[in-house]
Protein backbone atom coordinates (compact mmCIF):
# COMPACT_ATOMS: atom_id res chain seq x y z
CA MET A 1 64.64 -162.39 92.78
CA GLY A 2 61.57 -162.84 91.35
CA ASN A 3 59.07 -159.45 91.04
CA GLU A 4 60.52 -158.48 94.20
CA ARG A 5 62.32 -155.14 93.87
CA PRO A 6 65.29 -153.95 95.58
CA SER A 7 65.96 -151.42 98.37
CA VAL A 8 67.56 -150.15 100.98
CA LYS A 9 67.24 -153.02 103.64
CA ASN A 10 68.14 -155.74 100.87
CA ALA A 11 71.18 -153.92 98.87
CA ASN A 12 73.53 -156.04 100.72
CA CYS A 13 72.25 -158.88 99.19
CA LEU A 14 72.08 -157.22 95.31
CA GLN A 15 75.18 -159.60 93.93
CA GLY A 16 77.30 -157.89 91.30
CA PHE A 17 76.18 -157.17 88.21
CA GLY A 18 73.21 -160.30 88.25
CA ILE A 19 70.61 -157.01 89.01
CA THR A 20 68.97 -155.80 86.38
CA ASP A 21 69.09 -151.94 85.06
CA GLU A 22 66.14 -151.99 86.85
CA ASP A 23 66.40 -152.90 89.59
CA LEU A 24 69.47 -150.74 90.03
CA LEU A 25 67.11 -147.29 89.09
CA ASN A 26 64.72 -148.42 91.75
CA LEU A 27 67.73 -148.79 94.34
CA TRP A 28 68.27 -145.16 93.46
CA ILE A 29 65.01 -144.38 93.60
CA GLN A 30 64.44 -145.73 96.66
CA SER A 31 67.26 -144.85 99.07
CA THR A 32 67.86 -141.52 100.76
CA GLU A 33 70.14 -139.00 100.03
CA LYS A 34 72.67 -140.61 102.86
CA ASN A 35 72.52 -144.38 101.50
CA ARG A 36 72.72 -142.54 97.95
CA GLN A 37 76.07 -141.68 98.50
CA GLU A 38 77.17 -144.30 100.34
CA LEU A 39 76.03 -146.66 97.69
CA PHE A 40 76.75 -144.33 94.64
CA THR A 41 79.25 -142.19 93.41
CA ASP A 42 79.26 -139.44 90.23
CA THR A 43 81.82 -140.19 87.15
CA ALA A 44 84.37 -137.63 88.74
CA GLY A 45 84.19 -138.96 92.31
CA ALA A 46 84.99 -142.47 90.78
CA ALA A 47 87.88 -141.20 88.42
CA ALA A 48 89.83 -139.35 91.41
CA MET A 49 89.29 -143.22 94.03
CA ILE A 50 91.39 -144.73 91.23
CA GLY A 51 93.60 -142.10 89.63
CA ILE A 52 92.00 -142.52 86.23
CA SER A 53 90.17 -140.40 84.02
CA GLN A 54 87.00 -139.50 83.83
CA ARG A 55 86.35 -139.98 80.16
CA ALA A 56 87.91 -143.69 80.98
CA VAL A 57 84.97 -144.15 83.68
CA ARG A 58 82.62 -143.15 80.93
CA LEU A 59 83.82 -145.64 78.55
CA TRP A 60 83.54 -148.22 81.11
CA ILE A 61 79.56 -147.01 81.87
CA ASP A 62 78.99 -147.51 77.93
CA SER A 63 80.83 -150.95 77.72
CA GLY A 64 79.44 -152.59 80.62
CA ARG A 65 82.49 -153.17 82.67
CA ILE A 66 80.66 -151.23 85.57
CA ARG A 67 77.03 -149.62 85.91
CA ALA A 68 75.76 -146.60 86.18
CA VAL A 69 71.93 -144.66 86.94
CA PRO A 70 71.55 -142.25 83.97
CA VAL A 71 70.53 -139.14 86.32
CA GLY A 72 69.81 -136.25 83.78
CA LYS A 73 73.20 -135.84 81.43
CA LYS A 74 75.38 -137.33 83.86
CA HIS A 75 75.75 -140.73 85.64
CA ARG A 76 75.45 -142.12 88.88
CA ILE A 77 77.91 -145.40 89.38
CA TRP A 78 77.31 -148.00 91.66
CA LEU A 79 80.02 -148.55 94.22
CA ARG A 80 79.97 -152.34 94.24
CA SER A 81 80.20 -152.75 90.64
CA LEU A 82 83.22 -150.99 90.00
CA GLU A 83 84.84 -152.51 93.07
CA GLU A 84 83.31 -155.73 91.91
CA TYR A 85 85.58 -154.23 88.55
CA LEU A 86 88.60 -153.46 89.90
CA ALA A 87 88.95 -156.69 91.88
CA LYS A 88 88.55 -158.67 88.68
CA ARG A 89 90.90 -156.71 86.90
CA ILE A 90 93.70 -157.59 90.11
CA LYS A 91 93.53 -161.04 89.66
CA THR A 92 93.70 -160.89 86.02
CA TRP A 93 96.62 -158.89 86.56
CA GLN A 94 97.58 -160.95 89.21
CA GLY A 95 97.55 -163.83 87.25
CA ILE A 96 99.79 -162.40 84.51
CA ALA A 97 102.13 -161.45 87.09
CA ASP A 98 102.04 -165.32 88.58
CA GLU A 99 102.67 -166.72 84.34
CA GLU A 100 105.92 -164.51 83.86
CA MET A 101 107.34 -165.52 87.27
CA ASN A 102 107.36 -168.73 86.12
């Protein structure tokens, strides 16, 4: 990415965990309110989407499993990182299930 800063226009090319915290913060700052709602959610929204507690979501943020932007005392979770993390977990579970079946 070099010195290029992500913008709403190239948000779709930001891949997973390959962007810096500064890039993610810039994406939040440069986004319109509508784009923020499409790209980010809060811990309550993430927890409700996947049926876990907000505490679990915060632990995932703290451990670096998912990416989030701190906004005041709260976090806004980058939905792409949540989706990627869940996809990795599903693949892991499928691998374990496949091994058990063999």
